[in-house]
Amino acid sequence: LFRRKNIPYVCFIYGSPFQFSGDLQKYMLIFRRSFHKILNSDEVYREVIPKRAPKTGILKRLKMELYVLLKYFAVRNARAVFVLTEKNKWEIKQLYKHENVVAFAGAFPADLIGLKKTNTDIKKNLNLGNGRKVIFSLCRLEKKKQVDLIIKWFKELLDTGKDVHLLIGGKGPEMENLIELTRDLNIENRVTFLGFISEEILNDYYLTADLFTTADNADYDITTFVALALGSKCVV
């Protein structure tokens, strides 16, 4: 539509279909030539992304093929494509054969670097006690984020006798499943689901935690950058 009316446009592509194992777009015919090149470029992709598309009905597959074809030409005709990382830039060039791809960089306020003061006593508010170590994770609670791995790892840590507590911030479709997982592992009294955390007190959780962790399959994660800026120890 924009092209027919000679309206110049740019587009922004967030992330990569290879970061989501269930995203069928990468298996479509238009991407066949670039699929294996991208898959083989990343050991995490090779581990978690099936080489063959999951079975789908013919109608669903045809709809997806048409959608991706239209998207392909829409991206190809954009004056520029914006992405978040150099890795995404390379992948988009492979997928869409577009040469004018620009990598932006996510940012956080410079005054976070070295910040030590907390305004809220998180441990007191959550009745955790001063001696207990705190592990903090923050993300949208969806399968891609692999918070279930963090919970299973935390169970193994508890089994060693460590006095630790896991705080999980964020909301999402996997929340009930993750809560059920803590019950199945009998660790629900050592895991607190915080839900949405407002910006006003978010830094206090980072600063209170003895460790920040994430299991997301991504080359860009602003929560990790914030944790590092605040001087947190991280396992990612």
Protein backbone atom coordinates (compact mmCIF):
# COMPACT_ATOMS: atom_id res chain seq x y z
CA LEU A 1 0.00 0.00 0.00
CA PHE A 2 2.78 2.44 0.94
CA ARG A 3 4.75 1.52 -2.14
CA ARG A 4 1.81 2.12 -4.51
CA LYS A 5 1.31 5.59 -3.05
CA ASN A 6 5.06 6.31 -3.05
CA ILE A 7 5.15 6.75 0.71
CA PRO A 8 8.63 5.94 2.05
CA TYR A 9 8.67 3.81 5.20
CA VAL A 10 11.04 2.03 7.55
CA CYS A 11 10.36 -0.97 9.77
CA PHE A 12 11.54 -2.28 13.13
CA ILE A 13 12.00 -6.00 13.72
CA TYR A 14 12.26 -7.08 17.34
CA GLY A 15 14.25 -10.25 17.97
CA SER A 16 14.54 -13.24 15.68
CA PRO A 17 12.22 -16.13 14.78
CA PHE A 18 15.14 -18.38 15.75
CA GLN A 19 14.84 -17.24 19.35
CA PHE A 20 11.38 -18.80 19.51
CA SER A 21 11.34 -22.55 18.87
CA GLY A 22 7.60 -22.43 18.11
CA ASP A 23 7.79 -19.61 15.56
CA LEU A 24 6.96 -21.24 12.22
CA GLN A 25 8.00 -18.28 10.06
CA LYS A 26 11.60 -19.45 9.77
CA TYR A 27 10.48 -22.71 8.11
CA MET A 28 8.63 -21.05 5.22
CA LEU A 29 9.79 -21.58 1.63
CA ILE A 30 10.99 -18.00 1.15
CA PHE A 31 13.53 -18.52 3.97
CA ARG A 32 14.67 -22.00 2.94
CA ARG A 33 18.08 -20.87 1.64
CA SER A 34 18.95 -18.97 4.82
CA PHE A 35 17.44 -21.37 7.37
CA HIS A 36 20.36 -23.78 7.80
CA LYS A 37 22.97 -21.02 7.56
CA ILE A 38 21.41 -19.20 10.52
CA LEU A 39 20.67 -22.41 12.44
CA ASN A 40 24.27 -23.61 12.16
CA SER A 41 25.68 -20.23 13.17
CA ASP A 42 24.57 -20.56 16.80
CA GLU A 43 25.11 -23.55 19.11
CA VAL A 44 22.02 -22.63 21.15
CA TYR A 45 19.90 -22.59 18.00
CA ARG A 46 21.28 -26.01 17.04
CA GLU A 47 20.30 -27.33 20.46
CA VAL A 48 16.77 -25.96 20.76
CA ILE A 49 15.49 -25.37 17.21
CA PRO A 50 14.15 -28.43 15.32
CA LYS A 51 15.59 -28.81 11.83
CA ARG A 52 12.15 -29.65 10.49
CA ALA A 53 8.98 -27.67 10.96
CA PRO A 54 6.39 -29.06 13.37
CA LYS A 55 3.49 -30.73 11.61
CA THR A 56 0.62 -28.38 10.86
CA GLY A 57 -2.55 -28.57 8.83
CA ILE A 58 -2.38 -27.70 5.15
CA LEU A 59 -4.61 -24.64 5.56
CA LYS A 60 -2.54 -23.27 8.43
CA ARG A 61 0.66 -23.82 6.47
CA LEU A 62 -0.72 -22.06 3.39
CA LYS A 63 -1.83 -19.08 5.48
CA MET A 64 1.60 -18.86 7.08
CA GLU A 65 3.36 -19.12 3.71
CA LEU A 66 1.24 -16.27 2.34
CA TYR A 67 1.73 -14.13 5.45
CA VAL A 68 5.52 -14.57 5.41
CA LEU A 69 5.68 -13.89 1.67
CA LEU A 70 3.83 -10.60 2.10
CA LYS A 71 6.01 -9.73 5.08
CA TYR A 72 9.15 -10.55 3.09
CA PHE A 73 8.31 -8.10 0.33
CA ALA A 74 7.13 -5.47 2.82
CA VAL A 75 10.50 -5.62 4.59
CA ARG A 76 12.44 -5.71 1.30
CA ASN A 77 10.75 -2.48 0.19
CA ALA A 78 11.43 -0.58 3.39
CA ARG A 79 13.98 2.23 3.16
CA ALA A 80 15.68 0.84 6.28
CA VAL A 81 15.20 -1.91 8.82
CA PHE A 82 15.97 -1.29 12.48
CA VAL A 83 17.01 -4.07 14.88
CA LEU A 84 18.48 -4.21 18.38
CA THR A 85 21.76 -6.08 17.91
CA GLU A 86 24.49 -6.87 15.42
CA LYS A 87 23.46 -10.53 15.54
CA ASN A 88 19.89 -9.64 14.59
CA LYS A 89 21.28 -7.39 11.86
CA TRP A 90 23.16 -10.29 10.28
CA GLU A 91 20.13 -12.60 10.55
CA ILE A 92 17.73 -10.07 9.00
CA LYS A 93 20.14 -9.55 6.13
CA GLN A 94 20.17 -13.30 5.55
CA LEU A 95 16.38 -13.68 5.80
CA TYR A 96 15.20 -10.63 3.86
CA LYS A 97 18.19 -9.86 1.62
CA HIS A 98 18.00 -6.24 2.78
CA GLU A 99 21.28 -4.33 2.91
CA ASN A 100 20.22 -1.23 4.84
CA VAL A 101 19.78 -2.81 8.27
CA VAL A 102 20.65 -0.61 11.23
CA ALA A 103 21.43 -1.97 14.70
CA PHE A 104 20.21 0.19 17.55
CA ALA A 105 21.46 -0.28 21.09
CA GLY A 106 19.23 -0.55 24.12
CA ALA A 107 20.01 1.86 26.89
CA PHE A 108 19.59 2.51 30.59
CA PRO A 109 20.10 5.71 32.62
CA ALA A 110 23.78 6.43 33.24
CA ASP A 111 23.09 7.17 36.91
CA LEU A 112 22.39 3.47 37.49
CA ILE A 113 26.10 2.72 37.28
CA GLY A 114 27.41 2.31 40.79
CA LEU A 115 24.06 3.06 42.45
CA LYS A 116 24.03 1.53 45.94
CA LYS A 117 21.18 3.14 47.86
CA THR A 118 17.85 1.38 48.23
CA ASN A 119 14.64 3.15 49.17
CA THR A 120 12.72 0.03 50.17
CA ASP A 121 13.74 -2.75 52.56
CA ILE A 122 12.75 -5.66 50.30
CA LYS A 123 13.88 -8.40 52.69
CA LYS A 124 11.89 -6.91 55.55
CA ASN A 125 8.78 -6.42 53.41
CA LEU A 126 8.93 -10.04 52.23
CA ASN A 127 9.89 -11.36 55.67
CA LEU A 128 13.04 -13.01 54.36
CA GLY A 129 15.38 -12.24 57.24
CA ASN A 130 18.80 -10.60 56.94
CA GLY A 131 20.87 -13.79 56.66
CA ARG A 132 19.10 -15.44 53.74
CA LYS A 133 20.63 -15.04 50.30
CA VAL A 134 18.32 -13.75 47.56
CA ILE A 135 18.29 -14.71 43.88
CA PHE A 136 16.32 -12.44 41.55
CA SER A 137 14.97 -13.07 38.06
CA LEU A 138 12.90 -10.63 35.99
CA CYS A 139 11.19 -11.25 32.66
CA ARG A 140 7.87 -11.81 30.95
CA LEU A 141 6.75 -15.24 32.08
CA GLU A 142 6.56 -17.12 28.79
CA LYS A 143 8.11 -20.40 27.61
CA LYS A 144 10.93 -18.74 25.70
CA LYS A 145 12.30 -17.26 28.92
CA GLN A 146 12.85 -20.77 30.37
CA VAL A 147 12.05 -19.75 33.93
CA ASP A 148 11.25 -23.41 34.60
CA LEU A 149 14.99 -24.13 34.22
CA ILE A 150 15.76 -21.51 36.84
CA ILE A 151 13.26 -23.07 39.25
CA LYS A 152 14.64 -26.59 38.70
CA TRP A 153 18.19 -25.32 39.19
CA PHE A 154 17.09 -23.51 42.34
CA LYS A 155 15.66 -26.76 43.71
CA GLU A 156 19.07 -28.40 43.27
CA LEU A 157 20.68 -25.46 45.07
CA LEU A 158 18.25 -25.83 47.98
CA ASP A 159 19.06 -29.54 48.19
CA THR A 160 22.67 -28.62 49.03
CA GLY A 161 21.44 -26.95 52.21
CA LYS A 162 21.87 -23.33 51.09
CA ASP A 163 19.69 -20.75 52.85
CA VAL A 164 18.41 -19.00 49.73
CA HIS A 165 15.18 -17.52 48.38
CA LEU A 166 14.15 -17.03 44.76
CA LEU A 167 12.27 -13.89 43.68
CA ILE A 168 10.64 -14.03 40.24
CA GLY A 169 9.42 -10.73 38.84
CA GLY A 170 7.08 -10.32 35.89
CA LYS A 171 3.76 -11.58 34.59
CA GLY A 172 2.79 -13.74 31.65
CA PRO A 173 0.96 -16.82 30.37
CA GLU A 174 3.32 -19.27 32.09
CA MET A 175 2.80 -17.94 35.62
CA GLU A 176 0.32 -20.61 36.76
CA ASN A 177 2.45 -23.40 35.30
CA LEU A 178 5.52 -22.07 37.09
CA ILE A 179 3.66 -21.76 40.38
CA GLU A 180 2.47 -25.35 39.95
CA LEU A 181 6.07 -26.41 39.29
CA THR A 182 7.21 -24.97 42.61
CA ARG A 183 4.43 -26.96 44.32
CA ASP A 184 5.44 -30.16 42.53
CA LEU A 185 9.03 -29.63 43.68
CA ASN A 186 7.82 -28.75 47.20
CA ILE A 187 9.70 -25.44 47.21
CA GLU A 188 6.76 -23.00 47.07
CA ASN A 189 7.76 -21.52 50.45
CA ARG A 190 11.19 -20.59 49.04
CA VAL A 191 9.96 -18.97 45.80
CA THR A 192 8.05 -15.69 45.62
CA PHE A 193 6.29 -14.59 42.45
CA LEU A 194 6.29 -10.79 42.52
CA GLY A 195 4.17 -10.08 39.45
CA PHE A 196 4.57 -6.67 37.86
CA ILE A 197 7.23 -4.50 39.56
CA SER A 198 6.90 -0.74 39.19
CA GLU A 199 9.88 1.27 37.99
CA GLU A 200 9.91 3.19 41.28
CA ILE A 201 11.04 0.16 43.28
CA LEU A 202 12.57 -2.07 40.60
CA ASN A 203 16.17 -1.05 41.33
CA ASP A 204 15.69 -1.99 44.97
CA TYR A 205 15.10 -5.62 43.95
CA TYR A 206 18.30 -5.64 41.88
CA LEU A 207 20.29 -4.08 44.72
CA THR A 208 18.80 -6.38 47.36
CA ALA A 209 19.53 -9.57 45.42
CA ASP A 210 22.79 -11.42 45.92
CA LEU A 211 22.49 -12.83 42.41
CA PHE A 212 20.57 -11.95 39.25
CA THR A 213 19.79 -14.74 36.79
CA THR A 214 18.06 -15.30 33.46
CA ALA A 215 17.82 -18.34 31.15
CA ASP A 216 16.51 -16.51 28.09
CA ASN A 217 17.86 -17.51 24.69
CA ALA A 218 18.74 -14.04 23.40
CA ASP A 219 21.78 -11.97 22.53
CA TYR A 220 20.10 -8.89 23.94
CA ASP A 221 18.54 -8.65 27.39
CA ILE A 222 18.09 -5.22 28.95
CA THR A 223 17.43 -6.72 32.39
CA THR A 224 20.93 -8.22 32.40
CA PHE A 225 22.48 -4.92 31.34
CA VAL A 226 20.68 -3.13 34.17
CA ALA A 227 21.87 -5.76 36.66
CA LEU A 228 25.47 -5.34 35.47
CA ALA A 229 25.20 -1.54 35.63
CA LEU A 230 24.06 -1.83 39.25
CA GLY A 231 27.00 -4.09 40.07
CA SER A 232 24.97 -7.28 40.55
CA LYS A 233 26.52 -10.71 40.27
CA CYS A 234 24.89 -12.44 37.30
CA VAL A 235 24.38 -15.94 35.97
CA VAL A 236 22.82 -15.73 32.50
